[in-house]
Amino acid sequence: MAASAVRNAMALRSALGRPVGFVRRIPWTVSSHELREHFAQFGNIRKCTVPFDKETGFHRGLGWVQFSKEEELQNALQQENHIIDGVKVHIQPQRPKLGDQTSDEE
Protein backbone atom coordinates (compact mmCIF):
# COMPACT_ATOMS: atom_id res chain seq x y z
CA MET A 1 0.00 0.00 0.00
CA ALA A 2 2.84 2.41 0.77
CA ALA A 3 4.31 1.76 -2.69
CA SER A 4 1.07 2.84 -4.36
CA ALA A 5 1.05 6.08 -2.34
CA VAL A 6 4.61 6.80 -3.48
CA ARG A 7 3.64 6.07 -7.10
CA ASN A 8 0.66 8.44 -6.76
CA ALA A 9 2.89 11.15 -5.31
CA MET A 10 5.39 10.68 -8.13
CA ALA A 11 2.58 10.92 -10.70
CA LEU A 12 1.35 14.14 -9.13
CA ARG A 13 4.84 15.61 -9.00
CA SER A 14 5.44 14.82 -12.67
CA ALA A 15 2.13 16.31 -13.79
CA LEU A 16 3.64 19.18 -15.75
CA GLY A 17 1.26 21.97 -16.54
CA ARG A 18 -1.32 20.73 -14.07
CA PRO A 19 -2.38 22.81 -11.07
CA VAL A 20 -0.79 20.95 -8.16
CA GLY A 21 -0.29 22.35 -4.69
CA PHE A 22 2.36 21.03 -2.30
CA VAL A 23 1.02 20.96 1.26
CA ARG A 24 3.27 20.75 4.31
CA ARG A 25 2.86 20.64 8.08
CA ILE A 26 -0.12 18.30 7.83
CA PRO A 27 -0.98 17.05 11.34
CA TRP A 28 -0.46 13.31 11.77
CA THR A 29 -4.16 13.00 12.73
CA VAL A 30 -5.33 14.23 9.31
CA SER A 31 -6.06 11.79 6.47
CA SER A 32 -5.99 12.45 2.73
CA HIS A 33 -9.81 12.47 2.86
CA GLU A 34 -9.80 15.37 5.34
CA LEU A 35 -7.17 17.20 3.29
CA ARG A 36 -9.34 16.75 0.19
CA GLU A 37 -12.41 18.02 2.07
CA HIS A 38 -10.59 21.15 3.20
CA PHE A 39 -9.25 22.11 -0.22
CA ALA A 40 -12.50 21.20 -2.02
CA GLN A 41 -13.89 24.55 -0.88
CA PHE A 42 -11.61 26.14 -3.50
CA GLY A 43 -12.59 23.89 -6.40
CA ASN A 44 -12.69 20.38 -7.77
CA ILE A 45 -9.91 18.13 -6.45
CA ARG A 46 -8.67 15.61 -9.04
CA LYS A 47 -6.17 13.87 -6.74
CA CYS A 48 -5.01 14.14 -3.17
CA THR A 49 -1.97 12.19 -2.01
CA VAL A 50 -0.45 11.93 1.45
CA PRO A 51 2.44 9.41 1.42
CA PHE A 52 2.97 7.18 4.42
CA ASP A 53 6.22 6.02 5.97
CA LYS A 54 6.20 2.24 5.72
CA GLU A 55 8.37 1.86 8.83
CA THR A 56 6.30 3.99 11.21
CA GLY A 57 2.87 3.69 9.60
CA PHE A 58 2.36 7.45 9.89
CA HIS A 59 2.28 9.91 7.04
CA ARG A 60 5.19 12.28 6.63
CA GLY A 61 3.29 15.52 7.20
CA LEU A 62 3.27 16.54 3.56
CA GLY A 63 1.14 15.88 0.53
CA TRP A 64 -0.01 17.01 -2.90
CA VAL A 65 -3.39 18.29 -4.03
CA GLN A 66 -4.19 18.41 -7.73
CA PHE A 67 -6.95 20.80 -8.76
CA SER A 68 -8.93 20.70 -12.01
CA LYS A 69 -8.10 24.29 -12.93
CA GLU A 70 -5.26 26.71 -12.26
CA GLU A 71 -7.78 29.24 -10.96
CA GLU A 72 -8.81 26.82 -8.19
CA LEU A 73 -5.21 26.41 -7.06
CA GLN A 74 -4.78 30.18 -7.09
CA ASN A 75 -7.88 30.55 -4.90
CA ALA A 76 -6.35 28.17 -2.35
CA LEU A 77 -3.01 30.00 -2.48
CA GLN A 78 -4.67 33.37 -1.87
CA GLN A 79 -6.11 32.33 1.47
CA GLU A 80 -3.54 33.05 4.15
CA ASN A 81 -4.59 30.59 6.83
CA HIS A 82 -5.47 26.97 6.21
CA ILE A 83 -6.35 25.44 9.57
CA ILE A 84 -6.92 21.69 9.59
CA ASP A 85 -7.50 19.86 12.86
CA GLY A 86 -6.32 22.95 14.76
CA VAL A 87 -3.00 23.22 12.89
CA LYS A 88 -2.02 25.76 10.24
CA VAL A 89 -0.91 23.92 7.11
CA HIS A 90 1.03 25.57 4.29
CA ILE A 91 0.32 25.22 0.58
CA GLN A 92 2.52 26.37 -2.27
CA PRO A 93 2.47 25.69 -6.01
CA GLN A 94 4.32 22.53 -7.00
CA ARG A 95 7.33 23.36 -9.11
CA PRO A 96 8.59 20.81 -11.62
CA LYS A 97 12.06 19.42 -11.01
CA LEU A 98 14.50 20.48 -13.67
CA GLY A 99 16.95 17.99 -15.12
CA ASP A 100 15.30 15.04 -13.38
CA GLN A 101 12.42 14.44 -15.74
CA THR A 102 12.12 10.70 -16.10
CA SER A 103 8.86 8.85 -16.36
CA ASP A 104 7.80 5.25 -16.70
CA GLU A 105 4.57 6.29 -18.42
CA GLU A 106 4.10 5.40 -22.04
PDB file of N, CA and C in Angstrom:
ATOM      1  N   MET A   1       0.819  -1.189   0.000  1.00  0.00           N
ATOM      2  CA  MET A   1       0.000   0.000   0.000  1.00  0.00           C
ATOM      3  C   MET A   1       0.868   1.260   0.000  1.00  0.00           C
ATOM      4  N   ALA A   2       1.948   1.252   0.731  1.00  0.00           N
ATOM      5  CA  ALA A   2       2.844   2.408   0.766  1.00  0.00           C
ATOM      6  C   ALA A   2       3.440   2.662  -0.619  1.00  0.00           C
ATOM      7  N   ALA A   3       3.728   1.598  -1.353  1.00  0.00           N
ATOM      8  CA  ALA A   3       4.307   1.757  -2.687  1.00  0.00           C
ATOM      9  C   ALA A   3       3.331   2.469  -3.619  1.00  0.00           C
ATOM     10  N   SER A   4       2.038   2.169  -3.500  1.00  0.00           N
ATOM     11  CA  SER A   4       1.065   2.839  -4.363  1.00  0.00           C
ATOM     12  C   SER A   4       0.955   4.314  -4.011  1.00  0.00           C
ATOM     13  N   ALA A   5       1.087   4.665  -2.743  1.00  0.00           N
ATOM     14  CA  ALA A   5       1.055   6.076  -2.340  1.00  0.00           C
ATOM     15  C   ALA A   5       2.254   6.820  -2.916  1.00  0.00           C
ATOM     16  N   VAL A   6       3.409   6.172  -2.916  1.00  0.00           N
ATOM     17  CA  VAL A   6       4.608   6.796  -3.480  1.00  0.00           C
ATOM     18  C   VAL A   6       4.438   6.978  -4.981  1.00  0.00           C
ATOM     19  N   ARG A   7       3.885   5.960  -5.655  1.00  0.00           N
ATOM     20  CA  ARG A   7       3.644   6.073  -7.097  1.00  0.00           C
ATOM     21  C   ARG A   7       2.677   7.223  -7.387  1.00  0.00           C
ATOM     22  N   ASN A   8       1.618   7.350  -6.570  1.00  0.00           N
ATOM     23  CA  ASN A   8       0.663   8.436  -6.762  1.00  0.00           C
ATOM     24  C   ASN A   8       1.327   9.790  -6.573  1.00  0.00           C
ATOM     25  N   ALA A   9       2.178   9.896  -5.560  1.00  0.00           N
ATOM     26  CA  ALA A   9       2.890  11.150  -5.312  1.00  0.00           C
ATOM     27  C   ALA A   9       3.803  11.480  -6.480  1.00  0.00           C
ATOM     28  N   MET A  10       4.496  10.463  -6.997  1.00  0.00           N
ATOM     29  CA  MET A  10       5.389  10.680  -8.133  1.00  0.00           C
ATOM     30  C   MET A  10       4.588  11.125  -9.354  1.00  0.00           C
ATOM     31  N   ALA A  11       3.416  10.538  -9.565  1.00  0.00           N
ATOM     32  CA  ALA A  11       2.578  10.916 -10.701  1.00  0.00           C
ATOM     33  C   ALA A  11       2.125  12.360 -10.564  1.00  0.00           C
ATOM     34  N   LEU A  12       1.755  12.755  -9.348  1.00  0.00           N
ATOM     35  CA  LEU A  12       1.346  14.141  -9.132  1.00  0.00           C
ATOM     36  C   LEU A  12       2.500  15.094  -9.366  1.00  0.00           C
ATOM     37  N   ARG A  13       3.677  14.731  -8.865  1.00  0.00           N
ATOM     38  CA  ARG A  13       4.836  15.610  -9.001  1.00  0.00           C
ATOM     39  C   ARG A  13       5.252  15.766 -10.454  1.00  0.00           C
ATOM     40  N   SER A  14       5.013  14.736 -11.272  1.00  0.00           N
ATOM     41  CA  SER A  14       5.437  14.817 -12.667  1.00  0.00           C
ATOM     42  C   SER A  14       4.352  15.382 -13.575  1.00  0.00           C
ATOM     43  N   ALA A  15       3.242  15.793 -12.997  1.00  0.00           N
ATOM     44  CA  ALA A  15       2.132  16.313 -13.789  1.00  0.00           C
ATOM     45  C   ALA A  15       2.440  17.740 -14.230  1.00  0.00           C
ATOM     46  N   LEU A  16       3.247  17.861 -15.253  1.00  0.00           N
ATOM     47  CA  LEU A  16       3.645  19.177 -15.747  1.00  0.00           C
ATOM     48  C   LEU A  16       2.443  19.903 -16.328  1.00  0.00           C
ATOM     49  N   GLY A  17       2.340  21.172 -16.005  1.00  0.00           N
ATOM     50  CA  GLY A  17       1.263  21.972 -16.536  1.00  0.00           C
ATOM     51  C   GLY A  17      -0.055  21.777 -15.825  1.00  0.00           C
ATOM     52  N   ARG A  18      -0.092  20.942 -14.814  1.00  0.00           N
ATOM     53  CA  ARG A  18      -1.321  20.734 -14.071  1.00  0.00           C
ATOM     54  C   ARG A  18      -1.240  21.497 -12.758  1.00  0.00           C
ATOM     55  N   PRO A  19      -2.377  22.022 -12.302  1.00  0.00           N
ATOM     56  CA  PRO A  19      -2.380  22.812 -11.069  1.00  0.00           C
ATOM     57  C   PRO A  19      -2.266  21.929  -9.823  1.00  0.00           C
ATOM     58  N   VAL A  20      -1.051  21.796  -9.321  1.00  0.00           N
ATOM     59  CA  VAL A  20      -0.786  20.954  -8.157  1.00  0.00           C
ATOM     60  C   VAL A  20      -0.225  21.823  -7.037  1.00  0.00           C
ATOM     61  N   GLY A  21      -0.792  21.649  -5.856  1.00  0.00           N
ATOM     62  CA  GLY A  21      -0.293  22.345  -4.687  1.00  0.00           C
ATOM     63  C   GLY A  21       0.444  21.376  -3.777  1.00  0.00           C
ATOM     64  N   PHE A  22       1.588  21.809  -3.269  1.00  0.00           N
ATOM     65  CA  PHE A  22       2.363  21.033  -2.301  1.00  0.00           C
ATOM     66  C   PHE A  22       1.949  21.524  -0.919  1.00  0.00           C
ATOM     67  N   VAL A  23       1.506  20.606  -0.070  1.00  0.00           N
ATOM     68  CA  VAL A  23       1.017  20.957   1.264  1.00  0.00           C
ATOM     69  C   VAL A  23       1.983  20.383   2.295  1.00  0.00           C
ATOM     70  N   ARG A  24       2.383  21.225   3.259  1.00  0.00           N
ATOM     71  CA  ARG A  24       3.274  20.745   4.309  1.00  0.00           C
ATOM     72  C   ARG A  24       2.709  21.110   5.669  1.00  0.00           C
ATOM     73  N   ARG A  25       3.303  20.494   6.687  1.00  0.00           N
ATOM     74  CA  ARG A  25       2.863  20.643   8.079  1.00  0.00           C
ATOM     75  C   ARG A  25       1.475  20.061   8.317  1.00  0.00           C
ATOM     76  N   ILE A  26       1.155  18.977   7.626  1.00  0.00           N
ATOM     77  CA  ILE A  26      -0.125  18.302   7.826  1.00  0.00           C
ATOM     78  C   ILE A  26      -0.051  17.551   9.152  1.00  0.00           C
ATOM     79  N   PRO A  27      -1.009  17.773  10.062  1.00  0.00           N
ATOM     80  CA  PRO A  27      -0.978  17.050  11.335  1.00  0.00           C
ATOM     81  C   PRO A  27      -1.095  15.541  11.110  1.00  0.00           C
ATOM     82  N   TRP A  28      -0.459  14.754  11.951  1.00  0.00           N
ATOM     83  CA  TRP A  28      -0.464  13.305  11.773  1.00  0.00           C
ATOM     84  C   TRP A  28      -1.855  12.712  11.945  1.00  0.00           C
ATOM     85  N   THR A  29      -2.783  13.477  12.526  1.00  0.00           N
ATOM     86  CA  THR A  29      -4.155  13.001  12.731  1.00  0.00           C
ATOM     87  C   THR A  29      -5.041  13.201  11.505  1.00  0.00           C
ATOM     88  N   VAL A  30      -4.534  13.885  10.490  1.00  0.00           N
ATOM     89  CA  VAL A  30      -5.327  14.231   9.306  1.00  0.00           C
ATOM     90  C   VAL A  30      -5.067  13.222   8.186  1.00  0.00           C
ATOM     91  N   SER A  31      -6.147  12.741   7.583  1.00  0.00           N
ATOM     92  CA  SER A  31      -6.056  11.793   6.467  1.00  0.00           C
ATOM     93  C   SER A  31      -6.137  12.543   5.136  1.00  0.00           C
ATOM     94  N   SER A  32      -5.879  11.832   4.050  1.00  0.00           N
ATOM     95  CA  SER A  32      -5.986  12.451   2.728  1.00  0.00           C
ATOM     96  C   SER A  32      -7.435  12.859   2.456  1.00  0.00           C
ATOM     97  N   HIS A  33      -8.397  12.129   3.028  1.00  0.00           N
ATOM     98  CA  HIS A  33      -9.810  12.469   2.860  1.00  0.00           C
ATOM     99  C   HIS A  33     -10.106  13.838   3.481  1.00  0.00           C
ATOM    100  N   GLU A  34      -9.593  14.076   4.681  1.00  0.00           N
ATOM    101  CA  GLU A  34      -9.802  15.372   5.341  1.00  0.00           C
ATOM    102  C   GLU A  34      -9.085  16.494   4.599  1.00  0.00           C
ATOM    103  N   LEU A  35      -7.905  16.213   4.075  1.00  0.00           N
ATOM    104  CA  LEU A  35      -7.172  17.202   3.293  1.00  0.00           C
ATOM    105  C   LEU A  35      -7.969  17.563   2.035  1.00  0.00           C
ATOM    106  N   ARG A  36      -8.509  16.548   1.382  1.00  0.00           N
ATOM    107  CA  ARG A  36      -9.341  16.750   0.190  1.00  0.00           C
ATOM    108  C   ARG A  36     -10.570  17.596   0.539  1.00  0.00           C
ATOM    109  N   GLU A  37     -11.227  17.265   1.647  1.00  0.00           N
ATOM    110  CA  GLU A  37     -12.405  18.018   2.067  1.00  0.00           C
ATOM    111  C   GLU A  37     -12.081  19.494   2.284  1.00  0.00           C
ATOM    112  N   HIS A  38     -10.959  19.763   2.935  1.00  0.00           N
ATOM    113  CA  HIS A  38     -10.589  21.154   3.201  1.00  0.00           C
ATOM    114  C   HIS A  38     -10.367  21.933   1.905  1.00  0.00           C
ATOM    115  N   PHE A  39      -9.594  21.379   0.990  1.00  0.00           N
ATOM    116  CA  PHE A  39      -9.249  22.115  -0.224  1.00  0.00           C
ATOM    117  C   PHE A  39     -10.357  22.077  -1.273  1.00  0.00           C
ATOM    118  N   ALA A  40     -11.373  21.237  -1.091  1.00  0.00           N
ATOM    119  CA  ALA A  40     -12.502  21.195  -2.023  1.00  0.00           C
ATOM    120  C   ALA A  40     -13.309  22.492  -1.997  1.00  0.00           C
ATOM    121  N   GLN A  41     -13.186  23.266  -0.928  1.00  0.00           N
ATOM    122  CA  GLN A  41     -13.893  24.549  -0.880  1.00  0.00           C
ATOM    123  C   GLN A  41     -13.369  25.529  -1.938  1.00  0.00           C
ATOM    124  N   PHE A  42     -12.202  25.263  -2.494  1.00  0.00           N
ATOM    125  CA  PHE A  42     -11.606  26.142  -3.500  1.00  0.00           C
ATOM    126  C   PHE A  42     -11.841  25.650  -4.922  1.00  0.00           C
ATOM    127  N   GLY A  43     -12.327  24.426  -5.070  1.00  0.00           N
ATOM    128  CA  GLY A  43     -12.594  23.890  -6.397  1.00  0.00           C
ATOM    129  C   GLY A  43     -12.557  22.374  -6.407  1.00  0.00           C
ATOM    130  N   ASN A  44     -12.672  21.828  -7.594  1.00  0.00           N
ATOM    131  CA  ASN A  44     -12.688  20.376  -7.771  1.00  0.00           C
ATOM    132  C   ASN A  44     -11.291  19.791  -7.576  1.00  0.00           C
ATOM    133  N   ILE A  45     -11.188  18.795  -6.722  1.00  0.00           N
ATOM    134  CA  ILE A  45      -9.911  18.127  -6.454  1.00  0.00           C
ATOM    135  C   ILE A  45      -9.851  16.868  -7.310  1.00  0.00           C
ATOM    136  N   ARG A  46      -8.849  16.796  -8.186  1.00  0.00           N
ATOM    137  CA  ARG A  46      -8.674  15.606  -9.035  1.00  0.00           C
ATOM    138  C   ARG A  46      -7.963  14.491  -8.286  1.00  0.00           C
ATOM    139  N   LYS A  47      -6.942  14.855  -7.507  1.00  0.00           N
ATOM    140  CA  LYS A  47      -6.165  13.873  -6.741  1.00  0.00           C
ATOM    141  C   LYS A  47      -5.680  14.513  -5.461  1.00  0.00           C
ATOM    142  N   CYS A  48      -5.563  13.683  -4.441  1.00  0.00           N
ATOM    143  CA  CYS A  48      -5.013  14.141  -3.175  1.00  0.00           C
ATOM    144  C   CYS A  48      -4.168  12.992  -2.638  1.00  0.00           C
ATOM    145  N   THR A  49      -2.890  13.233  -2.435  1.00  0.00           N
ATOM    146  CA  THR A  49      -1.969  12.187  -2.013  1.00  0.00           C
ATOM    147  C   THR A  49      -1.208  12.618  -0.773  1.00  0.00           C
ATOM    148  N   VAL A  50      -1.226  11.732   0.225  1.00  0.00           N
ATOM    149  CA  VAL A  50      -0.453  11.927   1.447  1.00  0.00           C
ATOM    150  C   VAL A  50       0.352  10.643   1.650  1.00  0.00           C
ATOM    151  N   PRO A  51       1.653  10.638   1.305  1.00  0.00           N
ATOM    152  CA  PRO A  51       2.445   9.413   1.415  1.00  0.00           C
ATOM    153  C   PRO A  51       2.723   9.024   2.863  1.00  0.00           C
ATOM    154  N   PHE A  52       2.705   7.725   3.096  1.00  0.00           N
ATOM    155  CA  PHE A  52       2.968   7.180   4.425  1.00  0.00           C
ATOM    156  C   PHE A  52       4.363   6.591   4.506  1.00  0.00           C
ATOM    157  N   ASP A  53       4.930   6.641   5.688  1.00  0.00           N
ATOM    158  CA  ASP A  53       6.222   6.023   5.968  1.00  0.00           C
ATOM    159  C   ASP A  53       5.954   4.560   6.295  1.00  0.00           C
ATOM    160  N   LYS A  54       6.500   3.654   5.511  1.00  0.00           N
ATOM    161  CA  LYS A  54       6.200   2.236   5.716  1.00  0.00           C
ATOM    162  C   LYS A  54       6.777   1.692   7.011  1.00  0.00           C
ATOM    163  N   GLU A  55       7.788   2.338   7.570  1.00  0.00           N
ATOM    164  CA  GLU A  55       8.369   1.864   8.831  1.00  0.00           C
ATOM    165  C   GLU A  55       7.542   2.273  10.041  1.00  0.00           C
ATOM    166  N   THR A  56       7.044   3.507  10.051  1.00  0.00           N
ATOM    167  CA  THR A  56       6.298   3.989  11.210  1.00  0.00           C
ATOM    168  C   THR A  56       4.787   3.824  11.059  1.00  0.00           C
ATOM    169  N   GLY A  57       4.300   3.778   9.828  1.00  0.00           N
ATOM    170  CA  GLY A  57       2.866   3.691   9.595  1.00  0.00           C
ATOM    171  C   GLY A  57       2.176   5.042   9.608  1.00  0.00           C
ATOM    172  N   PHE A  58       2.920   6.102   9.890  1.00  0.00           N
ATOM    173  CA  PHE A  58       2.360   7.452   9.894  1.00  0.00           C
ATOM    174  C   PHE A  58       2.725   8.151   8.594  1.00  0.00           C
ATOM    175  N   HIS A  59       1.890   9.137   8.227  1.00  0.00           N
ATOM    176  CA  HIS A  59       2.278   9.910   7.044  1.00  0.00           C
ATOM    177  C   HIS A  59       3.376  10.897   7.426  1.00  0.00           C
ATOM    178  N   ARG A  60       3.988  11.463   6.428  1.00  0.00           N
ATOM    179  CA  ARG A  60       5.193  12.277   6.634  1.00  0.00           C
ATOM    180  C   ARG A  60       4.909  13.759   6.859  1.00  0.00           C
ATOM    181  N   GLY A  61       3.638  14.133   6.946  1.00  0.00           N
ATOM    182  CA  GLY A  61       3.293  15.522   7.204  1.00  0.00           C
ATOM    183  C   GLY A  61       3.295  16.399   5.974  1.00  0.00           C
ATOM    184  N   LEU A  62       3.311  15.775   4.809  1.00  0.00           N
ATOM    185  CA  LEU A  62       3.272  16.536   3.562  1.00  0.00           C
ATOM    186  C   LEU A  62       2.404  15.795   2.554  1.00  0.00           C
ATOM    187  N   GLY A  63       1.990  16.511   1.533  1.00  0.00           N
ATOM    188  CA  GLY A  63       1.139  15.885   0.530  1.00  0.00           C
ATOM    189  C   GLY A  63       0.982  16.778  -0.682  1.00  0.00           C
ATOM    190  N   TRP A  64       0.233  16.290  -1.656  1.00  0.00           N
ATOM    191  CA  TRP A  64      -0.008  17.005  -2.898  1.00  0.00           C
ATOM    192  C   TRP A  64      -1.487  17.000  -3.186  1.00  0.00           C
ATOM    193  N   VAL A  65      -1.994  18.142  -3.653  1.00  0.00           N
ATOM    194  CA  VAL A  65      -3.394  18.286  -4.029  1.00  0.00           C
ATOM    195  C   VAL A  65      -3.425  18.779  -5.467  1.00  0.00           C
ATOM    196  N   GLN A  66      -4.082  18.012  -6.328  1.00  0.00           N
ATOM    197  CA  GLN A  66      -4.194  18.408  -7.734  1.00  0.00           C
ATOM    198  C   GLN A  66      -5.607  18.924  -7.983  1.00  0.00           C
ATOM    199  N   PHE A  67      -5.681  20.166  -8.441  1.00  0.00           N
ATOM    200  CA  PHE A  67      -6.955  20.796  -8.759  1.00  0.00           C
ATOM    201  C   PHE A  67      -7.273  20.597 -10.233  1.00  0.00           C
ATOM    202  N   SER A  68      -8.537  20.812 -10.602  1.00  0.00           N
ATOM    203  CA  SER A  68      -8.931  20.696 -12.010  1.00  0.00           C
ATOM    204  C   SER A  68      -8.465  21.883 -12.834  1.00  0.00           C
ATOM    205  N   LYS A  69      -8.447  23.072 -12.200  1.00  0.00           N
ATOM    206  CA  LYS A  69      -8.096  24.293 -12.930  1.00  0.00           C
ATOM    207  C   LYS A  69      -7.068  25.100 -12.152  1.00  0.00           C
ATOM    208  N   GLU A  70      -6.263  25.835 -12.867  1.00  0.00           N
ATOM    209  CA  GLU A  70      -5.256  26.711 -12.258  1.00  0.00           C
ATOM    210  C   GLU A  70      -5.917  27.746 -11.337  1.00  0.00           C
ATOM    211  N   GLU A  71      -7.059  28.243 -11.748  1.00  0.00           N
ATOM    212  CA  GLU A  71      -7.783  29.243 -10.958  1.00  0.00           C
ATOM    213  C   GLU A  71      -8.131  28.704  -9.564  1.00  0.00           C
ATOM    214  N   GLU A  72      -8.466  27.429  -9.480  1.00  0.00           N
ATOM    215  CA  GLU A  72      -8.809  26.818  -8.186  1.00  0.00           C
ATOM    216  C   GLU A  72      -7.590  26.761  -7.272  1.00  0.00           C
ATOM    217  N   LEU A  73      -6.448  26.407  -7.839  1.00  0.00           N
ATOM    218  CA  LEU A  73      -5.211  26.411  -7.057  1.00  0.00           C
ATOM    219  C   LEU A  73      -4.896  27.823  -6.581  1.00  0.00           C
ATOM    220  N   GLN A  74      -5.049  28.796  -7.459  1.00  0.00           N
ATOM    221  CA  GLN A  74      -4.778  30.184  -7.087  1.00  0.00           C
ATOM    222  C   GLN A  74      -5.692  30.650  -5.963  1.00  0.00           C
ATOM    223  N   ASN A  75      -6.956  30.217  -5.985  1.00  0.00           N
ATOM    224  CA  ASN A  75      -7.884  30.550  -4.900  1.00  0.00           C
ATOM    225  C   ASN A  75      -7.380  30.001  -3.568  1.00  0.00           C
ATOM    226  N   ALA A  76      -6.880  28.783  -3.576  1.00  0.00           N
ATOM    227  CA  ALA A  76      -6.349  28.173  -2.348  1.00  0.00           C
ATOM    228  C   ALA A  76      -5.091  28.907  -1.883  1.00  0.00           C
ATOM    229  N   LEU A  77      -4.256  29.309  -2.823  1.00  0.00           N
ATOM    230  CA  LEU A  77      -3.014  30.002  -2.480  1.00  0.00           C
ATOM    231  C   LEU A  77      -3.278  31.396  -1.907  1.00  0.00           C
ATOM    232  N   GLN A  78      -4.366  32.018  -2.329  1.00  0.00           N
ATOM    233  CA  GLN A  78      -4.671  33.372  -1.874  1.00  0.00           C
ATOM    234  C   GLN A  78      -5.123  33.420  -0.419  1.00  0.00           C
ATOM    235  N   GLN A  79      -5.700  32.341   0.070  1.00  0.00           N
ATOM    236  CA  GLN A  79      -6.114  32.328   1.471  1.00  0.00           C
ATOM    237  C   GLN A  79      -4.875  32.178   2.344  1.00  0.00           C
ATOM    238  N   GLU A  80      -4.736  33.049   3.318  1.00  0.00           N
ATOM    239  CA  GLU A  80      -3.537  33.049   4.150  1.00  0.00           C
ATOM    240  C   GLU A  80      -3.485  31.892   5.134  1.00  0.00           C
ATOM    241  N   ASN A  81      -4.600  31.609   5.780  1.00  0.00           N
ATOM    242  CA  ASN A  81      -4.593  30.585   6.833  1.00  0.00           C
ATOM    243  C   ASN A  81      -5.428  29.380   6.437  1.00  0.00           C
ATOM    244  N   HIS A  82      -4.782  28.241   6.410  1.00  0.00           N
ATOM    245  CA  HIS A  82      -5.465  26.967   6.212  1.00  0.00           C
ATOM    246  C   HIS A  82      -5.307  26.192   7.515  1.00  0.00           C
ATOM    247  N   ILE A  83      -6.381  26.122   8.284  1.00  0.00           N
ATOM    248  CA  ILE A  83      -6.347  25.440   9.569  1.00  0.00           C
ATOM    249  C   ILE A  83      -7.071  24.113   9.417  1.00  0.00           C
ATOM    250  N   ILE A  84      -6.345  23.029   9.648  1.00  0.00           N
ATOM    251  CA  ILE A  84      -6.923  21.687   9.590  1.00  0.00           C
ATOM    252  C   ILE A  84      -6.610  20.994  10.908  1.00  0.00           C
ATOM    253  N   ASP A  85      -7.642  20.547  11.575  1.00  0.00           N
ATOM    254  CA  ASP A  85      -7.500  19.863  12.860  1.00  0.00           C
ATOM    255  C   ASP A  85      -6.706  20.719  13.861  1.00  0.00           C
ATOM    256  N   GLY A  86      -6.957  22.038  13.820  1.00  0.00           N
ATOM    257  CA  GLY A  86      -6.322  22.953  14.758  1.00  0.00           C
ATOM    258  C   GLY A  86      -4.895  23.364  14.423  1.00  0.00           C
ATOM    259  N   VAL A  87      -4.388  22.923  13.274  1.00  0.00           N
ATOM    260  CA  VAL A  87      -3.003  23.218  12.889  1.00  0.00           C
ATOM    261  C   VAL A  87      -3.000  23.972  11.560  1.00  0.00           C
ATOM    262  N   LYS A  88      -2.153  24.999  11.480  1.00  0.00           N
ATOM    263  CA  LYS A  88      -2.016  25.763  10.240  1.00  0.00           C
ATOM    264  C   LYS A  88      -1.122  24.990   9.282  1.00  0.00           C
ATOM    265  N   VAL A  89      -1.692  24.598   8.142  1.00  0.00           N
ATOM    266  CA  VAL A  89      -0.905  23.920   7.109  1.00  0.00           C
ATOM    267  C   VAL A  89      -0.521  24.950   6.050  1.00  0.00           C
ATOM    268  N   HIS A  90       0.517  24.650   5.305  1.00  0.00           N
ATOM    269  CA  HIS A  90       1.031  25.565   4.285  1.00  0.00           C
ATOM    270  C   HIS A  90       0.889  24.916   2.918  1.00  0.00           C
ATOM    271  N   ILE A  91       0.423  25.700   1.966  1.00  0.00           N
ATOM    272  CA  ILE A  91       0.324  25.224   0.581  1.00  0.00           C
ATOM    273  C   ILE A  91       1.103  26.171  -0.308  1.00  0.00           C
ATOM    274  N   GLN A  92       1.782  25.588  -1.273  1.00  0.00           N
ATOM    275  CA  GLN A  92       2.517  26.367  -2.273  1.00  0.00           C
ATOM    276  C   GLN A  92       2.391  25.647  -3.603  1.00  0.00           C
ATOM    277  N   PRO A  93       2.566  26.366  -4.710  1.00  0.00           N
ATOM    278  CA  PRO A  93       2.470  25.694  -6.009  1.00  0.00           C
ATOM    279  C   PRO A  93       3.606  24.698  -6.181  1.00  0.00           C
ATOM    280  N   GLN A  94       3.291  23.549  -6.739  1.00  0.00           N
ATOM    281  CA  GLN A  94       4.316  22.533  -7.004  1.00  0.00           C
ATOM    282  C   GLN A  94       5.145  22.993  -8.191  1.00  0.00           C
ATOM    283  N   ARG A  95       6.432  22.976  -8.020  1.00  0.00           N
ATOM    284  CA  ARG A  95       7.335  23.362  -9.106  1.00  0.00           C
ATOM    285  C   ARG A  95       7.952  22.105  -9.702  1.00  0.00           C
ATOM    286  N   PRO A  96       7.980  21.997 -11.012  1.00  0.00           N
ATOM    287  CA  PRO A  96       8.588  20.810 -11.619  1.00  0.00           C
ATOM    288  C   PRO A  96      10.086  20.783 -11.371  1.00  0.00           C
ATOM    289  N   LYS A  97      10.609  19.573 -11.168  1.00  0.00           N
ATOM    290  CA  LYS A  97      12.057  19.418 -11.011  1.00  0.00           C
ATOM    291  C   LYS A  97      12.706  19.574 -12.374  1.00  0.00           C
ATOM    292  N   LEU A  98      13.780  20.306 -12.413  1.00  0.00           N
ATOM    293  CA  LEU A  98      14.502  20.477 -13.666  1.00  0.00           C
ATOM    294  C   LEU A  98      15.643  19.475 -13.743  1.00  0.00           C
ATOM    295  N   GLY A  99      15.837  18.904 -14.910  1.00  0.00           N
ATOM    296  CA  GLY A  99      16.948  17.986 -15.115  1.00  0.00           C
ATOM    297  C   GLY A  99      16.678  16.564 -14.651  1.00  0.00           C
ATOM    298  N   ASP A 100      15.607  16.361 -13.914  1.00  0.00           N
ATOM    299  CA  ASP A 100      15.299  15.037 -13.377  1.00  0.00           C
ATOM    300  C   ASP A 100      13.924  14.603 -13.872  1.00  0.00           C
ATOM    301  N   GLN A 101      13.732  14.687 -15.175  1.00  0.00           N
ATOM    302  CA  GLN A 101      12.420  14.444 -15.739  1.00  0.00           C
ATOM    303  C   GLN A 101      12.366  13.076 -16.396  1.00  0.00           C
ATOM    304  N   THR A 102      12.271  12.049 -15.578  1.00  0.00           N
ATOM    305  CA  THR A 102      12.118  10.703 -16.102  1.00  0.00           C
ATOM    306  C   THR A 102      10.725  10.229 -15.761  1.00  0.00           C
ATOM    307  N   SER A 103      10.198   9.357 -16.585  1.00  0.00           N
ATOM    308  CA  SER A 103       8.857   8.846 -16.365  1.00  0.00           C
ATOM    309  C   SER A 103       8.780   7.430 -16.896  1.00  0.00           C
ATOM    310  N   ASP A 104       8.001   6.607 -16.203  1.00  0.00           N
ATOM    311  CA  ASP A 104       7.801   5.254 -16.699  1.00  0.00           C
ATOM    312  C   ASP A 104       6.469   5.154 -17.437  1.00  0.00           C
ATOM    313  N   GLU A 105       5.817   6.292 -17.680  1.00  0.00           N
ATOM    314  CA  GLU A 105       4.568   6.288 -18.416  1.00  0.00           C
ATOM    315  C   GLU A 105       4.852   6.200 -19.896  1.00  0.00           C
ATOM    316  N   GLU A 106       3.938   5.546 -20.602  1.00  0.00           N
ATOM    317  CA  GLU A 106       4.098   5.400 -22.045  1.00  0.00           C
ATOM    318  C   GLU A 106       3.319   6.446 -22.779  1.00  0.00           C
TER     319      GLU A 106
END
